[in-house]
Amino acid sequence: GVISREVLEALRPGALLVNTARAELVDQDALLE
């Protein structure tokens, strides 16, 4: 969960996120939203 909502919201609108590591690194609820 280290890629938290705060981290995701710090990306600019329209930014690209690439994850070839593990899904569990990312706050899935925030990512989906």
Full PDB file with SEQRES, HELIX, SHEET, SSBOND, CRYST1, ORIGX, SCALE, CONECT and MASTER records, all heavy atoms in Angstrom:
SEQRES   1 A   33  GLY VAL ILE SER ARG GLU VAL LEU GLU ALA LEU ARG PRO          
SEQRES   2 A   33  GLY ALA LEU LEU VAL ASN THR ALA ARG ALA GLU LEU VAL          
SEQRES   3 A   33  ASP GLN ASP ALA LEU LEU GLU                                  
HELIX    1 AA1 ARG A    5  ALA A   10  1                                   6    
HELIX    2 AA2 ALA A   23  LEU A   25  5                                   3    
HELIX    3 AA3 GLN A   28  LEU A   32  1                                   5    
CRYST1    1.000    1.000    1.000  90.00  90.00  90.00 P 1           1          
ORIGX1      1.000000  0.000000  0.000000        0.00000                         
ORIGX2      0.000000  1.000000  0.000000        0.00000                         
ORIGX3      0.000000  0.000000  1.000000        0.00000                         
SCALE1      1.000000  0.000000  0.000000        0.00000                         
SCALE2      0.000000  1.000000  0.000000        0.00000                         
SCALE3      0.000000  0.000000  1.000000        0.00000                         
ATOM      1  N   GLY A   1       0.788  -1.226   0.000  1.00  0.00           N  
ATOM      2  CA  GLY A   1       0.000   0.000   0.000  1.00  0.00           C  
ATOM      3  C   GLY A   1       0.818   1.272   0.000  1.00  0.00           C  
ATOM      4  O   GLY A   1       0.274   2.351   0.249  1.00  0.00           O  
ATOM      5  N   VAL A   2       2.126   1.185  -0.303  1.00  0.00           N  
ATOM      6  CA  VAL A   2       2.980   2.362  -0.222  1.00  0.00           C  
ATOM      7  C   VAL A   2       2.622   3.407  -1.282  1.00  0.00           C  
ATOM      8  O   VAL A   2       2.839   4.605  -1.091  1.00  0.00           O  
ATOM      9  CB  VAL A   2       4.472   1.938  -0.328  1.00  0.00           C  
ATOM     10  CG1 VAL A   2       4.825   1.480  -1.740  1.00  0.00           C  
ATOM     11  CG2 VAL A   2       5.390   3.050   0.137  1.00  0.00           C  
ATOM     12  N   ILE A   3       2.034   2.955  -2.416  1.00  0.00           N  
ATOM     13  CA  ILE A   3       1.528   3.904  -3.410  1.00  0.00           C  
ATOM     14  C   ILE A   3       0.108   4.239  -2.968  1.00  0.00           C  
ATOM     15  O   ILE A   3      -0.884   3.682  -3.434  1.00  0.00           O  
ATOM     16  CB  ILE A   3       1.574   3.319  -4.833  1.00  0.00           C  
ATOM     17  CG1 ILE A   3       2.968   2.784  -5.136  1.00  0.00           C  
ATOM     18  CG2 ILE A   3       1.183   4.377  -5.872  1.00  0.00           C  
ATOM     19  CD1 ILE A   3       4.077   3.819  -5.064  1.00  0.00           C  
ATOM     20  N   SER A   4       0.041   5.163  -2.040  1.00  0.00           N  
ATOM     21  CA  SER A   4      -1.192   5.509  -1.342  1.00  0.00           C  
ATOM     22  C   SER A   4      -2.037   6.489  -2.154  1.00  0.00           C  
ATOM     23  O   SER A   4      -1.624   6.972  -3.217  1.00  0.00           O  
ATOM     24  CB  SER A   4      -0.851   6.151   0.003  1.00  0.00           C  
ATOM     25  OG  SER A   4      -0.120   7.354  -0.223  1.00  0.00           O  
ATOM     26  N   ARG A   5      -3.195   6.793  -1.635  1.00  0.00           N  
ATOM     27  CA  ARG A   5      -4.042   7.814  -2.271  1.00  0.00           C  
ATOM     28  C   ARG A   5      -3.276   9.129  -2.395  1.00  0.00           C  
ATOM     29  O   ARG A   5      -3.365   9.819  -3.418  1.00  0.00           O  
ATOM     30  CB  ARG A   5      -5.322   8.009  -1.464  1.00  0.00           C  
ATOM     31  CG  ARG A   5      -6.240   9.101  -2.028  1.00  0.00           C  
ATOM     32  CD  ARG A   5      -7.501   9.240  -1.219  1.00  0.00           C  
ATOM     33  NE  ARG A   5      -8.354   8.065  -1.378  1.00  0.00           N  
ATOM     34  CZ  ARG A   5      -9.248   7.917  -2.343  1.00  0.00           C  
ATOM     35  NH1 ARG A   5      -9.398   8.866  -3.279  1.00  0.00           N  
ATOM     36  NH2 ARG A   5      -9.994   6.841  -2.398  1.00  0.00           N  
ATOM     37  N   GLU A   6      -2.534   9.485  -1.358  1.00  0.00           N  
ATOM     38  CA  GLU A   6      -1.772  10.729  -1.404  1.00  0.00           C  
ATOM     39  C   GLU A   6      -0.776  10.726  -2.552  1.00  0.00           C  
ATOM     40  O   GLU A   6      -0.619  11.741  -3.254  1.00  0.00           O  
ATOM     41  CB  GLU A   6      -1.042  10.937  -0.071  1.00  0.00           C  
ATOM     42  CG  GLU A   6      -0.258  12.236  -0.014  1.00  0.00           C  
ATOM     43  CD  GLU A   6       0.536  12.400   1.268  1.00  0.00           C  
ATOM     44  OE1 GLU A   6       0.684  11.407   2.004  1.00  0.00           O  
ATOM     45  OE2 GLU A   6       1.041  13.517   1.515  1.00  0.00           O  
ATOM     46  N   VAL A   7      -0.098   9.603  -2.763  1.00  0.00           N  
ATOM     47  CA  VAL A   7       0.861   9.513  -3.861  1.00  0.00           C  
ATOM     48  C   VAL A   7       0.149   9.599  -5.200  1.00  0.00           C  
ATOM     49  O   VAL A   7       0.565  10.340  -6.100  1.00  0.00           O  
ATOM     50  CB  VAL A   7       1.666   8.206  -3.766  1.00  0.00           C  
ATOM     51  CG1 VAL A   7       2.549   8.029  -5.001  1.00  0.00           C  
ATOM     52  CG2 VAL A   7       2.520   8.183  -2.502  1.00  0.00           C  
ATOM     53  N   LEU A   8      -0.946   8.853  -5.347  1.00  0.00           N  
ATOM     54  CA  LEU A   8      -1.677   8.852  -6.617  1.00  0.00           C  
ATOM     55  C   LEU A   8      -2.247  10.234  -6.936  1.00  0.00           C  
ATOM     56  O   LEU A   8      -2.218  10.688  -8.084  1.00  0.00           O  
ATOM     57  CB  LEU A   8      -2.807   7.818  -6.563  1.00  0.00           C  
ATOM     58  CG  LEU A   8      -2.363   6.350  -6.464  1.00  0.00           C  
ATOM     59  CD1 LEU A   8      -3.566   5.438  -6.264  1.00  0.00           C  
ATOM     60  CD2 LEU A   8      -1.576   5.922  -7.696  1.00  0.00           C  
ATOM     61  N   GLU A   9      -2.761  10.921  -5.923  1.00  0.00           N  
ATOM     62  CA  GLU A   9      -3.338  12.255  -6.154  1.00  0.00           C  
ATOM     63  C   GLU A   9      -2.273  13.305  -6.404  1.00  0.00           C  
ATOM     64  O   GLU A   9      -2.585  14.381  -6.926  1.00  0.00           O  
ATOM     65  CB  GLU A   9      -4.216  12.641  -4.967  1.00  0.00           C  
ATOM     66  CG  GLU A   9      -5.504  11.822  -4.889  1.00  0.00           C  
ATOM     67  CD  GLU A   9      -6.411  12.220  -3.734  1.00  0.00           C  
ATOM     68  OE1 GLU A   9      -5.911  12.921  -2.818  1.00  0.00           O  
ATOM     69  OE2 GLU A   9      -7.594  11.837  -3.744  1.00  0.00           O  
ATOM     70  N   ALA A  10      -1.012  12.997  -6.071  1.00  0.00           N  
ATOM     71  CA  ALA A  10       0.070  13.938  -6.355  1.00  0.00           C  
ATOM     72  C   ALA A  10       0.453  13.923  -7.837  1.00  0.00           C  
ATOM     73  O   ALA A  10       1.098  14.860  -8.319  1.00  0.00           O  
ATOM     74  CB  ALA A  10       1.291  13.602  -5.496  1.00  0.00           C  
ATOM     75  N   LEU A  11       0.066  12.863  -8.561  1.00  0.00           N  
ATOM     76  CA  LEU A  11       0.291  12.837 -10.003  1.00  0.00           C  
ATOM     77  C   LEU A  11      -0.609  13.851 -10.687  1.00  0.00           C  
ATOM     78  O   LEU A  11      -1.762  14.045 -10.289  1.00  0.00           O  
ATOM     79  CB  LEU A  11       0.009  11.432 -10.549  1.00  0.00           C  
ATOM     80  CG  LEU A  11       1.032  10.348 -10.183  1.00  0.00           C  
ATOM     81  CD1 LEU A  11       0.423   8.963 -10.378  1.00  0.00           C  
ATOM     82  CD2 LEU A  11       2.302  10.504 -11.018  1.00  0.00           C  
ATOM     83  N   ARG A  12      -0.104  14.476 -11.716  1.00  0.00           N  
ATOM     84  CA  ARG A  12      -0.907  15.492 -12.413  1.00  0.00           C  
ATOM     85  C   ARG A  12      -2.075  14.838 -13.135  1.00  0.00           C  
ATOM     86  O   ARG A  12      -2.015  13.647 -13.494  1.00  0.00           O  
ATOM     87  CB  ARG A  12      -0.043  16.262 -13.405  1.00  0.00           C  
ATOM     88  CG  ARG A  12       0.437  15.447 -14.597  1.00  0.00           C  
ATOM     89  CD  ARG A  12       0.988  16.354 -15.685  1.00  0.00           C  
ATOM     90  NE  ARG A  12       1.423  15.606 -16.840  1.00  0.00           N  
ATOM     91  CZ  ARG A  12       0.623  15.125 -17.794  1.00  0.00           C  
ATOM     92  NH1 ARG A  12      -0.698  15.297 -17.692  1.00  0.00           N  
ATOM     93  NH2 ARG A  12       1.119  14.474 -18.829  1.00  0.00           N  
ATOM     94  N   PRO A  13      -3.178  15.558 -13.375  1.00  0.00           N  
ATOM     95  CA  PRO A  13      -4.300  14.985 -14.130  1.00  0.00           C  
ATOM     96  C   PRO A  13      -3.851  14.474 -15.497  1.00  0.00           C  
ATOM     97  O   PRO A  13      -3.114  15.156 -16.213  1.00  0.00           O  
ATOM     98  CB  PRO A  13      -5.262  16.167 -14.271  1.00  0.00           C  
ATOM     99  CG  PRO A  13      -4.957  17.042 -13.105  1.00  0.00           C  
ATOM    100  CD  PRO A  13      -3.472  16.915 -12.895  1.00  0.00           C  
ATOM    101  N   GLY A  14      -4.277  13.261 -15.831  1.00  0.00           N  
ATOM    102  CA  GLY A  14      -3.892  12.656 -17.103  1.00  0.00           C  
ATOM    103  C   GLY A  14      -2.557  11.943 -17.071  1.00  0.00           C  
ATOM    104  O   GLY A  14      -2.113  11.428 -18.102  1.00  0.00           O  
ATOM    105  N   ALA A  15      -1.918  11.885 -15.906  1.00  0.00           N  
ATOM    106  CA  ALA A  15      -0.619  11.208 -15.802  1.00  0.00           C  
ATOM    107  C   ALA A  15      -0.777   9.710 -16.042  1.00  0.00           C  
ATOM    108  O   ALA A  15      -1.870   9.146 -15.932  1.00  0.00           O  
ATOM    109  CB  ALA A  15      -0.012  11.462 -14.431  1.00  0.00           C  
ATOM    110  N   LEU A  16       0.342   9.078 -16.358  1.00  0.00           N  
ATOM    111  CA  LEU A  16       0.368   7.650 -16.654  1.00  0.00           C  
ATOM    112  C   LEU A  16       0.972   6.893 -15.467  1.00  0.00           C  
ATOM    113  O   LEU A  16       1.992   7.315 -14.912  1.00  0.00           O  
ATOM    114  CB  LEU A  16       1.205   7.381 -17.905  1.00  0.00           C  
ATOM    115  CG  LEU A  16       0.939   8.269 -19.125  1.00  0.00           C  
ATOM    116  CD1 LEU A  16       1.881   7.898 -20.268  1.00  0.00           C  
ATOM    117  CD2 LEU A  16      -0.513   8.166 -19.563  1.00  0.00           C  
ATOM    118  N   LEU A  17       0.339   5.799 -15.085  1.00  0.00           N  
ATOM    119  CA  LEU A  17       0.868   4.935 -14.033  1.00  0.00           C  
ATOM    120  C   LEU A  17       1.114   3.556 -14.621  1.00  0.00           C  
ATOM    121  O   LEU A  17       0.201   2.950 -15.196  1.00  0.00           O  
ATOM    122  CB  LEU A  17      -0.117   4.831 -12.865  1.00  0.00           C  
ATOM    123  CG  LEU A  17       0.330   3.893 -11.734  1.00  0.00           C  
ATOM    124  CD1 LEU A  17       1.490   4.496 -10.953  1.00  0.00           C  
ATOM    125  CD2 LEU A  17      -0.834   3.573 -10.793  1.00  0.00           C  
ATOM    126  N   VAL A  18       2.332   3.046 -14.487  1.00  0.00           N  
ATOM    127  CA  VAL A  18       2.693   1.720 -14.997  1.00  0.00           C  
ATOM    128  C   VAL A  18       3.086   0.851 -13.809  1.00  0.00           C  
ATOM    129  O   VAL A  18       3.955   1.227 -13.009  1.00  0.00           O  
ATOM    130  CB  VAL A  18       3.850   1.807 -16.013  1.00  0.00           C  
ATOM    131  CG1 VAL A  18       4.319   0.410 -16.412  1.00  0.00           C  
ATOM    132  CG2 VAL A  18       3.414   2.598 -17.243  1.00  0.00           C  
ATOM    133  N   ASN A  19       2.458  -0.311 -13.695  1.00  0.00           N  
ATOM    134  CA  ASN A  19       2.777  -1.225 -12.599  1.00  0.00           C  
ATOM    135  C   ASN A  19       3.088  -2.611 -13.155  1.00  0.00           C  
ATOM    136  O   ASN A  19       2.195  -3.337 -13.587  1.00  0.00           O  
ATOM    137  CB  ASN A  19       1.613  -1.306 -11.605  1.00  0.00           C  
ATOM    138  CG  ASN A  19       1.981  -2.102 -10.356  1.00  0.00           C  
ATOM    139  OD1 ASN A  19       3.100  -2.569 -10.212  1.00  0.00           O  
ATOM    140  ND2 ASN A  19       1.029  -2.245  -9.453  1.00  0.00           N  
ATOM    141  N   THR A  20       4.368  -2.958 -13.149  1.00  0.00           N  
ATOM    142  CA  THR A  20       4.782  -4.308 -13.535  1.00  0.00           C  
ATOM    143  C   THR A  20       5.376  -5.029 -12.329  1.00  0.00           C  
ATOM    144  O   THR A  20       6.108  -6.011 -12.481  1.00  0.00           O  
ATOM    145  CB  THR A  20       5.820  -4.257 -14.672  1.00  0.00           C  
ATOM    146  OG1 THR A  20       6.891  -3.377 -14.289  1.00  0.00           O  
ATOM    147  CG2 THR A  20       5.194  -3.775 -15.964  1.00  0.00           C  
ATOM    148  N   ALA A  21       5.057  -4.547 -11.121  1.00  0.00           N  
ATOM    149  CA  ALA A  21       5.616  -5.112  -9.895  1.00  0.00           C  
ATOM    150  C   ALA A  21       4.574  -5.965  -9.183  1.00  0.00           C  
ATOM    151  O   ALA A  21       4.430  -7.153  -9.475  1.00  0.00           O  
ATOM    152  CB  ALA A  21       6.136  -3.982  -8.998  1.00  0.00           C  
ATOM    153  N   ARG A  22       3.808  -5.366  -8.267  1.00  0.00           N  
ATOM    154  CA  ARG A  22       2.785  -6.080  -7.514  1.00  0.00           C  
ATOM    155  C   ARG A  22       1.582  -5.165  -7.326  1.00  0.00           C  
ATOM    156  O   ARG A  22       1.735  -3.986  -7.015  1.00  0.00           O  
ATOM    157  CB  ARG A  22       3.304  -6.525  -6.135  1.00  0.00           C  
ATOM    158  CG  ARG A  22       4.385  -7.598  -6.176  1.00  0.00           C  
ATOM    159  CD  ARG A  22       3.831  -8.945  -6.590  1.00  0.00           C  
ATOM    160  NE  ARG A  22       4.827 -10.011  -6.510  1.00  0.00           N  
ATOM    161  CZ  ARG A  22       5.613 -10.369  -7.495  1.00  0.00           C  
ATOM    162  NH1 ARG A  22       5.555  -9.727  -8.657  1.00  0.00           N  
ATOM    163  NH2 ARG A  22       6.488 -11.356  -7.349  1.00  0.00           N  
ATOM    164  N   ALA A  23       0.387  -5.725  -7.485  1.00  0.00           N  
ATOM    165  CA  ALA A  23      -0.833  -4.945  -7.285  1.00  0.00           C  
ATOM    166  C   ALA A  23      -0.929  -4.431  -5.858  1.00  0.00           C  
ATOM    167  O   ALA A  23      -1.432  -3.325  -5.605  1.00  0.00           O  
ATOM    168  CB  ALA A  23      -2.061  -5.793  -7.626  1.00  0.00           C  
ATOM    169  N   GLU A  24      -0.428  -5.217  -4.902  1.00  0.00           N  
ATOM    170  CA  GLU A  24      -0.572  -4.876  -3.487  1.00  0.00           C  
ATOM    171  C   GLU A  24       0.234  -3.654  -3.075  1.00  0.00           C  
ATOM    172  O   GLU A  24       0.069  -3.134  -1.962  1.00  0.00           O  
ATOM    173  CB  GLU A  24      -0.163  -6.071  -2.625  1.00  0.00           C  
ATOM    174  CG  GLU A  24      -1.050  -7.284  -2.772  1.00  0.00           C  
ATOM    175  CD  GLU A  24      -0.641  -8.201  -3.908  1.00  0.00           C  
ATOM    176  OE1 GLU A  24       0.212  -7.791  -4.732  1.00  0.00           O  
ATOM    177  OE2 GLU A  24      -1.166  -9.335  -3.974  1.00  0.00           O  
ATOM    178  N   LEU A  25       1.110  -3.180  -3.945  1.00  0.00           N  
ATOM    179  CA  LEU A  25       1.843  -1.954  -3.643  1.00  0.00           C  
ATOM    180  C   LEU A  25       0.922  -0.739  -3.629  1.00  0.00           C  
ATOM    181  O   LEU A  25       1.240   0.272  -3.005  1.00  0.00           O  
ATOM    182  CB  LEU A  25       2.932  -1.715  -4.695  1.00  0.00           C  
ATOM    183  CG  LEU A  25       4.072  -2.725  -4.796  1.00  0.00           C  
ATOM    184  CD1 LEU A  25       4.938  -2.406  -6.005  1.00  0.00           C  
ATOM    185  CD2 LEU A  25       4.906  -2.741  -3.525  1.00  0.00           C  
ATOM    186  N   VAL A  26      -0.198  -0.838  -4.334  1.00  0.00           N  
ATOM    187  CA  VAL A  26      -1.045   0.317  -4.632  1.00  0.00           C  
ATOM    188  C   VAL A  26      -2.352   0.244  -3.860  1.00  0.00           C  
ATOM    189  O   VAL A  26      -2.953  -0.828  -3.725  1.00  0.00           O  
ATOM    190  CB  VAL A  26      -1.338   0.388  -6.148  1.00  0.00           C  
ATOM    191  CG1 VAL A  26      -2.130   1.643  -6.494  1.00  0.00           C  
ATOM    192  CG2 VAL A  26      -0.038   0.337  -6.948  1.00  0.00           C  
ATOM    193  N   ASP A  27      -2.814   1.388  -3.359  1.00  0.00           N  
ATOM    194  CA  ASP A  27      -4.151   1.509  -2.772  1.00  0.00           C  
ATOM    195  C   ASP A  27      -5.159   1.275  -3.896  1.00  0.00           C  
ATOM    196  O   ASP A  27      -5.405   2.152  -4.722  1.00  0.00           O  
ATOM    197  CB  ASP A  27      -4.320   2.907  -2.167  1.00  0.00           C  
ATOM    198  CG  ASP A  27      -5.681   3.118  -1.512  1.00  0.00           C  
ATOM    199  OD1 ASP A  27      -6.678   2.499  -1.963  1.00  0.00           O  
ATOM    200  OD2 ASP A  27      -5.758   3.921  -0.568  1.00  0.00           O  
ATOM    201  N   GLN A  28      -5.755   0.088  -3.922  1.00  0.00           N  
ATOM    202  CA  GLN A  28      -6.601  -0.311  -5.044  1.00  0.00           C  
ATOM    203  C   GLN A  28      -7.890   0.502  -5.130  1.00  0.00           C  
ATOM    204  O   GLN A  28      -8.373   0.802  -6.223  1.00  0.00           O  
ATOM    205  CB  GLN A  28      -6.917  -1.801  -4.958  1.00  0.00           C  
ATOM    206  CG  GLN A  28      -5.712  -2.696  -5.181  1.00  0.00           C  
ATOM    207  CD  GLN A  28      -5.161  -2.586  -6.587  1.00  0.00           C  
ATOM    208  OE1 GLN A  28      -5.883  -2.743  -7.568  1.00  0.00           O  
ATOM    209  NE2 GLN A  28      -3.861  -2.309  -6.705  1.00  0.00           N  
ATOM    210  N   ASP A  29      -8.454   0.856  -4.008  1.00  0.00           N  
ATOM    211  CA  ASP A  29      -9.686   1.665  -4.024  1.00  0.00           C  
ATOM    212  C   ASP A  29      -9.415   3.030  -4.642  1.00  0.00           C  
ATOM    213  O   ASP A  29     -10.186   3.510  -5.483  1.00  0.00           O  
ATOM    214  CB  ASP A  29     -10.236   1.826  -2.601  1.00  0.00           C  
ATOM    215  CG  ASP A  29     -10.783   0.526  -2.041  1.00  0.00           C  
ATOM    216  OD1 ASP A  29     -11.127  -0.373  -2.836  1.00  0.00           O  
ATOM    217  OD2 ASP A  29     -10.859   0.400  -0.803  1.00  0.00           O  
ATOM    218  N   ALA A  30      -8.317   3.659  -4.223  1.00  0.00           N  
ATOM    219  CA  ALA A  30      -7.974   4.977  -4.767  1.00  0.00           C  
ATOM    220  C   ALA A  30      -7.631   4.873  -6.246  1.00  0.00           C  
ATOM    221  O   ALA A  30      -8.024   5.728  -7.051  1.00  0.00           O  
ATOM    222  CB  ALA A  30      -6.801   5.570  -3.990  1.00  0.00           C  
ATOM    223  N   LEU A  31      -6.919   3.831  -6.626  1.00  0.00           N  
ATOM    224  CA  LEU A  31      -6.549   3.644  -8.032  1.00  0.00           C  
ATOM    225  C   LEU A  31      -7.793   3.492  -8.903  1.00  0.00           C  
ATOM    226  O   LEU A  31      -7.901   4.122  -9.960  1.00  0.00           O  
ATOM    227  CB  LEU A  31      -5.649   2.418  -8.166  1.00  0.00           C  
ATOM    228  CG  LEU A  31      -5.218   2.043  -9.591  1.00  0.00           C  
ATOM    229  CD1 LEU A  31      -4.381   3.153 -10.208  1.00  0.00           C  
ATOM    230  CD2 LEU A  31      -4.447   0.723  -9.595  1.00  0.00           C  
ATOM    231  N   LEU A  32      -8.729   2.660  -8.458  1.00  0.00           N  
ATOM    232  CA  LEU A  32      -9.949   2.432  -9.233  1.00  0.00           C  
ATOM    233  C   LEU A  32     -10.742   3.730  -9.370  1.00  0.00           C  
ATOM    234  O   LEU A  32     -11.237   4.063 -10.460  1.00  0.00           O  
ATOM    235  CB  LEU A  32     -10.795   1.359  -8.553  1.00  0.00           C  
ATOM    236  CG  LEU A  32     -12.067   0.933  -9.275  1.00  0.00           C  
ATOM    237  CD1 LEU A  32     -11.740   0.343 -10.644  1.00  0.00           C  
ATOM    238  CD2 LEU A  32     -12.846  -0.073  -8.431  1.00  0.00           C  
ATOM    239  N   GLU A  33     -10.840   4.478  -8.291  1.00  0.00           N  
ATOM    240  CA  GLU A  33     -11.595   5.736  -8.307  1.00  0.00           C  
ATOM    241  C   GLU A  33     -10.973   6.747  -9.266  1.00  0.00           C  
ATOM    242  O   GLU A  33     -11.675   7.369 -10.090  1.00  0.00           O  
ATOM    243  CB  GLU A  33     -11.634   6.302  -6.887  1.00  0.00           C  
ATOM    244  CG  GLU A  33     -12.347   7.638  -6.770  1.00  0.00           C  
ATOM    245  CD  GLU A  33     -12.256   8.201  -5.360  1.00  0.00           C  
ATOM    246  OE1 GLU A  33     -12.316   7.415  -4.387  1.00  0.00           O  
ATOM    247  OE2 GLU A  33     -12.108   9.442  -5.231  1.00  0.00           O  
TER     248      GLU A  33                                                      
MASTER        0    0    0    3    0    0    0    6  247    1    0    3          
END                                                                             
